[in-house]
């Protein structure tokens, strides 16, 4: 729990990451940043998809529309939070010479997106009024 709180503090004070270990090759830090930006782009796409489902499918039954939109929006929020958490954890690991952290989050995110996609297939096959 203490490590979790420390990581969250580093989200807002990334210069404090430099206090740990040695400075890694800048190419690794830049690669870590590109990965962070890819996660943020994914989060924005999920959030945009959630808004699109809600705004552009008015004929879809309310429960389906709200459920699918909220699933996409929640996935986007979690993805954006996970992006910064993963960036800090990787940067700290590189500085300390540790193995990079592993995560189940990509698998969970993929499963959620797949479930939303299956639900959309069901909606399309059954029609908008499902």
N, C-alpha and C. Protein backbone atom coordinates (compact mmCIF):
# COMPACT_ATOMS: atom_id res chain seq x y z
N UNK A 1 0.82 -1.20 0.00
CA UNK A 1 0.00 0.00 0.00
C UNK A 1 0.86 1.26 0.00
N UNK A 2 1.94 1.23 0.78
CA UNK A 2 2.83 2.39 0.84
C UNK A 2 3.46 2.65 -0.52
N UNK A 3 3.86 1.58 -1.22
CA UNK A 3 4.45 1.73 -2.55
C UNK A 3 3.43 2.31 -3.52
N UNK A 4 2.17 1.91 -3.40
CA UNK A 4 1.10 2.44 -4.26
C UNK A 4 0.96 3.95 -4.06
N UNK A 5 0.92 4.38 -2.81
CA UNK A 5 0.79 5.82 -2.51
C UNK A 5 2.01 6.57 -3.02
N UNK A 6 3.18 5.98 -2.87
CA UNK A 6 4.41 6.62 -3.36
C UNK A 6 4.36 6.78 -4.88
N UNK A 7 3.88 5.74 -5.56
CA UNK A 7 3.77 5.83 -7.02
C UNK A 7 2.81 6.94 -7.43
N UNK A 8 1.69 7.08 -6.72
CA UNK A 8 0.73 8.14 -7.06
C UNK A 8 1.36 9.51 -6.84
N UNK A 9 2.14 9.67 -5.79
CA UNK A 9 2.83 10.95 -5.57
C UNK A 9 3.77 11.26 -6.72
N UNK A 10 4.41 10.24 -7.27
CA UNK A 10 5.34 10.45 -8.38
C UNK A 10 4.62 10.85 -9.66
N UNK A 11 3.33 10.57 -9.77
CA UNK A 11 2.57 11.01 -10.93
C UNK A 11 2.63 12.52 -11.06
N UNK A 12 2.60 13.20 -9.94
CA UNK A 12 2.52 14.66 -9.93
C UNK A 12 3.85 15.34 -9.65
N UNK A 13 4.87 14.53 -9.38
CA UNK A 13 6.22 15.07 -9.18
C UNK A 13 7.22 14.12 -9.84
N UNK A 14 7.16 14.02 -11.16
CA UNK A 14 8.02 13.05 -11.84
C UNK A 14 9.51 13.32 -11.69
N UNK A 15 9.88 14.56 -11.36
CA UNK A 15 11.31 14.84 -11.16
C UNK A 15 11.88 14.06 -9.99
N UNK A 16 11.02 13.62 -9.08
CA UNK A 16 11.47 12.84 -7.92
C UNK A 16 11.89 11.43 -8.32
N UNK A 17 11.50 10.99 -9.51
CA UNK A 17 11.92 9.67 -9.99
C UNK A 17 13.44 9.66 -10.14
N UNK A 18 14.00 10.81 -10.45
CA UNK A 18 15.45 10.91 -10.66
C UNK A 18 16.25 10.64 -9.38
N UNK A 19 15.59 10.67 -8.23
CA UNK A 19 16.28 10.41 -6.97
C UNK A 19 16.66 8.95 -6.80
N UNK A 20 16.08 8.09 -7.62
CA UNK A 20 16.34 6.65 -7.48
C UNK A 20 17.34 6.17 -8.52
N UNK A 21 18.27 5.39 -8.10
CA UNK A 21 19.19 4.69 -8.99
C UNK A 21 19.94 5.58 -9.95
N UNK A 22 20.36 4.96 -11.04
CA UNK A 22 21.15 5.64 -12.07
C UNK A 22 20.27 6.04 -13.24
N UNK A 23 20.69 7.06 -13.95
CA UNK A 23 19.96 7.49 -15.13
C UNK A 23 20.13 6.46 -16.23
N UNK A 24 19.03 5.92 -16.76
CA UNK A 24 19.14 4.95 -17.85
C UNK A 24 19.47 5.65 -19.16
N UNK A 25 19.82 4.86 -20.15
CA UNK A 25 20.01 5.39 -21.49
C UNK A 25 18.74 6.16 -21.87
N UNK A 26 18.89 7.36 -22.37
CA UNK A 26 17.73 8.20 -22.65
C UNK A 26 16.77 7.55 -23.65
N UNK A 27 17.31 6.67 -24.50
CA UNK A 27 16.43 6.00 -25.48
C UNK A 27 15.39 5.14 -24.78
N UNK A 28 15.75 4.53 -23.65
CA UNK A 28 14.79 3.72 -22.91
C UNK A 28 13.72 4.60 -22.26
N UNK A 29 14.13 5.74 -21.74
CA UNK A 29 13.15 6.66 -21.16
C UNK A 29 12.20 7.20 -22.22
N UNK A 30 12.75 7.50 -23.40
CA UNK A 30 11.89 7.98 -24.49
C UNK A 30 10.95 6.88 -24.97
N UNK A 31 11.42 5.65 -25.02
CA UNK A 31 10.55 4.53 -25.39
C UNK A 31 9.44 4.36 -24.36
N UNK A 32 9.77 4.52 -23.09
CA UNK A 32 8.77 4.45 -22.03
C UNK A 32 7.73 5.56 -22.21
N UNK A 33 8.18 6.74 -22.59
CA UNK A 33 7.25 7.85 -22.82
C UNK A 33 6.36 7.58 -24.02
N UNK A 34 6.92 7.00 -25.09
CA UNK A 34 6.10 6.67 -26.26
C UNK A 34 5.03 5.64 -25.91
N UNK A 35 5.39 4.68 -25.05
CA UNK A 35 4.41 3.69 -24.60
C UNK A 35 3.31 4.38 -23.81
N UNK A 36 3.68 5.30 -22.94
CA UNK A 36 2.70 6.07 -22.18
C UNK A 36 1.75 6.79 -23.13
N UNK A 37 2.30 7.45 -24.15
CA UNK A 37 1.46 8.19 -25.10
C UNK A 37 0.54 7.25 -25.88
N UNK A 38 1.01 6.04 -26.19
CA UNK A 38 0.16 5.07 -26.88
C UNK A 38 -1.02 4.67 -25.99
N UNK A 39 -0.77 4.49 -24.69
CA UNK A 39 -1.86 4.16 -23.77
C UNK A 39 -2.84 5.33 -23.68
N UNK A 40 -2.35 6.56 -23.68
CA UNK A 40 -3.23 7.72 -23.63
C UNK A 40 -4.07 7.80 -24.90
N UNK A 41 -3.47 7.53 -26.05
CA UNK A 41 -4.25 7.51 -27.30
C UNK A 41 -5.33 6.45 -27.25
N UNK A 42 -5.00 5.29 -26.70
CA UNK A 42 -6.00 4.23 -26.56
C UNK A 42 -7.12 4.69 -25.64
N UNK A 43 -6.77 5.35 -24.54
CA UNK A 43 -7.79 5.86 -23.61
C UNK A 43 -8.70 6.87 -24.31
N UNK A 44 -8.11 7.77 -25.09
CA UNK A 44 -8.92 8.76 -25.81
C UNK A 44 -9.84 8.10 -26.82
N UNK A 45 -9.36 7.06 -27.49
CA UNK A 45 -10.21 6.34 -28.45
C UNK A 45 -11.37 5.65 -27.74
N UNK A 46 -11.12 5.05 -26.59
CA UNK A 46 -12.19 4.41 -25.84
C UNK A 46 -13.22 5.43 -25.36
N UNK A 47 -12.75 6.57 -24.87
CA UNK A 47 -13.65 7.62 -24.41
C UNK A 47 -14.47 8.16 -25.59
N UNK A 48 -13.81 8.39 -26.70
CA UNK A 48 -14.52 8.83 -27.90
C UNK A 48 -15.55 7.81 -28.36
N UNK A 49 -15.20 6.52 -28.28
CA UNK A 49 -16.16 5.47 -28.64
C UNK A 49 -17.36 5.47 -27.71
N UNK A 50 -17.12 5.70 -26.43
CA UNK A 50 -18.22 5.77 -25.48
C UNK A 50 -19.17 6.91 -25.78
N UNK A 51 -18.62 8.07 -26.08
CA UNK A 51 -19.46 9.20 -26.45
C UNK A 51 -20.19 8.95 -27.77
N UNK A 52 -19.51 8.33 -28.72
CA UNK A 52 -20.14 8.04 -30.01
C UNK A 52 -21.33 7.10 -29.84
N UNK A 53 -21.17 6.06 -29.04
CA UNK A 53 -22.28 5.13 -28.80
C UNK A 53 -23.45 5.89 -28.18
N UNK A 54 -23.18 6.73 -27.21
CA UNK A 54 -24.26 7.45 -26.53
C UNK A 54 -24.93 8.48 -27.43
N UNK A 55 -24.16 9.21 -28.21
CA UNK A 55 -24.71 10.32 -28.99
C UNK A 55 -25.25 9.94 -30.35
N UNK A 56 -24.64 8.95 -30.99
CA UNK A 56 -24.99 8.66 -32.37
C UNK A 56 -25.84 7.42 -32.56
N UNK A 57 -26.26 6.81 -31.48
CA UNK A 57 -27.16 5.66 -31.57
C UNK A 57 -28.42 5.91 -30.74
N UNK A 58 -29.16 6.98 -31.04
CA UNK A 58 -30.32 7.31 -30.22
C UNK A 58 -31.45 6.28 -30.32
N UNK A 59 -31.49 5.53 -31.40
CA UNK A 59 -32.55 4.53 -31.56
C UNK A 59 -32.26 3.24 -30.80
N UNK A 60 -31.06 3.12 -30.30
CA UNK A 60 -30.68 1.94 -29.53
C UNK A 60 -31.40 1.98 -28.18
N UNK A 61 -31.89 0.83 -27.75
CA UNK A 61 -32.59 0.77 -26.46
C UNK A 61 -31.71 1.42 -25.38
N UNK A 62 -32.33 2.21 -24.49
CA UNK A 62 -31.61 3.01 -23.50
C UNK A 62 -30.62 2.17 -22.69
N UNK A 63 -31.02 1.02 -22.20
CA UNK A 63 -30.15 0.19 -21.37
C UNK A 63 -28.90 -0.26 -22.11
N UNK A 64 -29.08 -0.68 -23.36
CA UNK A 64 -27.93 -1.10 -24.17
C UNK A 64 -27.00 0.07 -24.42
N UNK A 65 -27.60 1.19 -24.83
CA UNK A 65 -26.79 2.36 -25.17
C UNK A 65 -25.98 2.84 -23.97
N UNK A 66 -26.61 2.98 -22.84
CA UNK A 66 -25.92 3.47 -21.66
C UNK A 66 -24.89 2.45 -21.17
N UNK A 67 -25.26 1.18 -21.19
CA UNK A 67 -24.33 0.14 -20.74
C UNK A 67 -23.07 0.08 -21.58
N UNK A 68 -23.25 0.10 -22.90
CA UNK A 68 -22.08 0.06 -23.79
C UNK A 68 -21.25 1.33 -23.67
N UNK A 69 -21.92 2.47 -23.60
CA UNK A 69 -21.20 3.74 -23.48
C UNK A 69 -20.41 3.79 -22.18
N UNK A 70 -21.04 3.40 -21.08
CA UNK A 70 -20.34 3.43 -19.80
C UNK A 70 -19.18 2.45 -19.75
N UNK A 71 -19.33 1.28 -20.37
CA UNK A 71 -18.22 0.32 -20.41
C UNK A 71 -17.02 0.91 -21.15
N UNK A 72 -17.28 1.57 -22.27
CA UNK A 72 -16.19 2.19 -23.02
C UNK A 72 -15.58 3.36 -22.27
N UNK A 73 -16.42 4.20 -21.68
CA UNK A 73 -15.92 5.35 -20.92
C UNK A 73 -15.09 4.90 -19.72
N UNK A 74 -15.58 3.92 -18.98
CA UNK A 74 -14.84 3.41 -17.82
C UNK A 74 -13.51 2.80 -18.25
N UNK A 75 -13.52 2.09 -19.36
CA UNK A 75 -12.27 1.52 -19.87
C UNK A 75 -11.27 2.61 -20.23
N UNK A 76 -11.76 3.70 -20.80
CA UNK A 76 -10.89 4.82 -21.13
C UNK A 76 -10.30 5.48 -19.90
N UNK A 77 -11.11 5.64 -18.87
CA UNK A 77 -10.61 6.24 -17.63
C UNK A 77 -9.55 5.34 -17.01
N UNK A 78 -9.85 4.05 -16.90
CA UNK A 78 -8.87 3.12 -16.32
C UNK A 78 -7.59 3.07 -17.14
N UNK A 79 -7.73 3.11 -18.45
CA UNK A 79 -6.55 3.06 -19.33
C UNK A 79 -5.68 4.30 -19.13
N UNK A 80 -6.29 5.46 -18.99
CA UNK A 80 -5.48 6.67 -18.80
C UNK A 80 -4.78 6.66 -17.45
N UNK A 81 -5.45 6.18 -16.41
CA UNK A 81 -4.80 6.09 -15.09
C UNK A 81 -3.69 5.04 -15.10
N UNK A 82 -3.94 3.95 -15.78
CA UNK A 82 -2.93 2.89 -15.85
C UNK A 82 -1.71 3.36 -16.64
N UNK A 83 -1.91 4.23 -17.61
CA UNK A 83 -0.80 4.73 -18.42
C UNK A 83 0.24 5.42 -17.56
N UNK A 84 -0.21 6.34 -16.72
CA UNK A 84 0.75 7.08 -15.89
C UNK A 84 1.35 6.18 -14.82
N UNK A 85 0.55 5.29 -14.27
CA UNK A 85 1.07 4.35 -13.28
C UNK A 85 2.17 3.46 -13.88
N UNK A 86 1.92 2.97 -15.08
CA UNK A 86 2.90 2.09 -15.73
C UNK A 86 4.16 2.88 -16.09
N UNK A 87 4.00 4.13 -16.52
CA UNK A 87 5.16 4.95 -16.85
C UNK A 87 6.07 5.10 -15.64
N UNK A 88 5.48 5.44 -14.48
CA UNK A 88 6.27 5.62 -13.26
C UNK A 88 6.94 4.32 -12.85
N UNK A 89 6.19 3.23 -12.86
CA UNK A 89 6.74 1.94 -12.44
C UNK A 89 7.90 1.51 -13.34
N UNK A 90 7.76 1.72 -14.65
CA UNK A 90 8.83 1.34 -15.58
C UNK A 90 10.05 2.23 -15.41
N UNK A 91 9.82 3.52 -15.25
CA UNK A 91 10.95 4.45 -15.09
C UNK A 91 11.73 4.11 -13.82
N UNK A 92 11.03 3.83 -12.74
CA UNK A 92 11.70 3.46 -11.49
C UNK A 92 12.47 2.15 -11.66
N UNK A 93 11.87 1.18 -12.32
CA UNK A 93 12.54 -0.10 -12.51
C UNK A 93 13.81 0.06 -13.35
N UNK A 94 13.74 0.86 -14.40
CA UNK A 94 14.93 1.08 -15.24
C UNK A 94 16.04 1.75 -14.44
N UNK A 95 15.70 2.70 -13.62
CA UNK A 95 16.70 3.41 -12.81
C UNK A 95 17.34 2.52 -11.76
N UNK A 96 16.57 1.59 -11.23
CA UNK A 96 17.09 0.68 -10.20
C UNK A 96 17.76 -0.55 -10.79
N UNK A 97 17.61 -0.76 -12.10
CA UNK A 97 18.18 -1.94 -12.73
C UNK A 97 17.34 -3.19 -12.49
N UNK A 98 16.08 -3.01 -12.13
CA UNK A 98 15.17 -4.13 -11.90
C UNK A 98 14.53 -4.57 -13.21
N UNK A 99 13.89 -5.74 -13.16
CA UNK A 99 13.09 -6.17 -14.30
C UNK A 99 11.92 -5.21 -14.46
N UNK A 100 11.47 -5.02 -15.69
CA UNK A 100 10.31 -4.17 -15.91
C UNK A 100 9.08 -4.83 -15.31
N UNK A 101 8.16 -4.04 -14.78
CA UNK A 101 6.97 -4.60 -14.13
C UNK A 101 6.06 -5.29 -15.14
N UNK A 102 5.41 -6.33 -14.67
CA UNK A 102 4.43 -7.03 -15.50
C UNK A 102 3.04 -6.60 -15.05
N UNK A 103 2.07 -6.77 -15.93
CA UNK A 103 0.73 -6.33 -15.61
C UNK A 103 -0.30 -7.20 -16.33
N UNK A 104 -1.42 -7.41 -15.65
CA UNK A 104 -2.55 -8.10 -16.26
C UNK A 104 -3.48 -7.11 -16.97
N UNK A 105 -3.23 -5.83 -16.81
CA UNK A 105 -4.14 -4.82 -17.35
C UNK A 105 -4.37 -4.95 -18.85
N UNK A 106 -3.36 -5.18 -19.68
CA UNK A 106 -3.64 -5.32 -21.11
C UNK A 106 -4.63 -6.45 -21.41
N UNK A 107 -4.52 -7.55 -20.69
CA UNK A 107 -5.45 -8.66 -20.90
C UNK A 107 -6.85 -8.29 -20.46
N UNK A 108 -6.97 -7.61 -19.32
CA UNK A 108 -8.29 -7.19 -18.82
C UNK A 108 -8.92 -6.19 -19.78
N UNK A 109 -8.14 -5.22 -20.23
CA UNK A 109 -8.65 -4.22 -21.17
C UNK A 109 -9.11 -4.89 -22.46
N UNK A 110 -8.33 -5.82 -22.97
CA UNK A 110 -8.70 -6.54 -24.19
C UNK A 110 -9.99 -7.31 -23.99
N UNK A 111 -10.15 -7.93 -22.83
CA UNK A 111 -11.37 -8.69 -22.56
C UNK A 111 -12.59 -7.76 -22.51
N UNK A 112 -12.45 -6.61 -21.89
CA UNK A 112 -13.57 -5.66 -21.82
C UNK A 112 -13.94 -5.17 -23.22
N UNK A 113 -12.94 -4.81 -24.01
CA UNK A 113 -13.20 -4.33 -25.37
C UNK A 113 -13.86 -5.45 -26.19
N UNK A 114 -13.40 -6.68 -26.02
CA UNK A 114 -14.00 -7.81 -26.74
C UNK A 114 -15.45 -8.01 -26.32
N UNK A 115 -15.74 -7.90 -25.03
CA UNK A 115 -17.13 -8.04 -24.56
C UNK A 115 -18.03 -6.95 -25.13
N UNK A 116 -17.52 -5.72 -25.16
CA UNK A 116 -18.30 -4.63 -25.75
C UNK A 116 -18.53 -4.90 -27.24
N UNK A 117 -17.51 -5.40 -27.93
CA UNK A 117 -17.65 -5.71 -29.35
C UNK A 117 -18.68 -6.82 -29.57
N UNK A 118 -18.66 -7.85 -28.74
CA UNK A 118 -19.66 -8.93 -28.85
C UNK A 118 -21.05 -8.37 -28.60
N UNK A 119 -21.19 -7.51 -27.60
CA UNK A 119 -22.48 -6.90 -27.32
C UNK A 119 -22.96 -6.08 -28.52
N UNK A 120 -22.06 -5.36 -29.16
CA UNK A 120 -22.43 -4.58 -30.34
C UNK A 120 -22.85 -5.49 -31.49
N UNK A 121 -22.19 -6.63 -31.64
CA UNK A 121 -22.58 -7.59 -32.67
C UNK A 121 -24.00 -8.09 -32.40
N UNK A 122 -24.29 -8.39 -31.14
CA UNK A 122 -25.64 -8.84 -30.76
C UNK A 122 -26.66 -7.75 -31.09
N UNK A 123 -26.32 -6.50 -30.74
CA UNK A 123 -27.24 -5.39 -31.03
C UNK A 123 -27.48 -5.26 -32.53
N UNK A 124 -26.43 -5.38 -33.32
CA UNK A 124 -26.57 -5.25 -34.77
C UNK A 124 -27.41 -6.40 -35.33
N UNK A 125 -27.16 -7.62 -34.83
CA UNK A 125 -27.92 -8.78 -35.34
C UNK A 125 -29.39 -8.74 -34.94
N UNK A 126 -29.67 -8.26 -33.75
CA UNK A 126 -31.06 -8.19 -33.27
C UNK A 126 -31.77 -6.93 -33.71
N UNK A 127 -31.05 -5.98 -34.21
CA UNK A 127 -31.65 -4.72 -34.61
C UNK A 127 -31.55 -3.71 -33.48
N UNK A 128 -31.80 -2.46 -33.82
CA UNK A 128 -31.63 -1.38 -32.84
C UNK A 128 -32.58 -1.50 -31.67
N UNK A 129 -33.76 -2.00 -31.88
CA UNK A 129 -34.74 -2.07 -30.80
C UNK A 129 -34.56 -3.30 -29.93
N UNK A 130 -33.68 -4.29 -30.35
CA UNK A 130 -33.31 -5.48 -29.62
C UNK A 130 -34.25 -5.88 -28.56
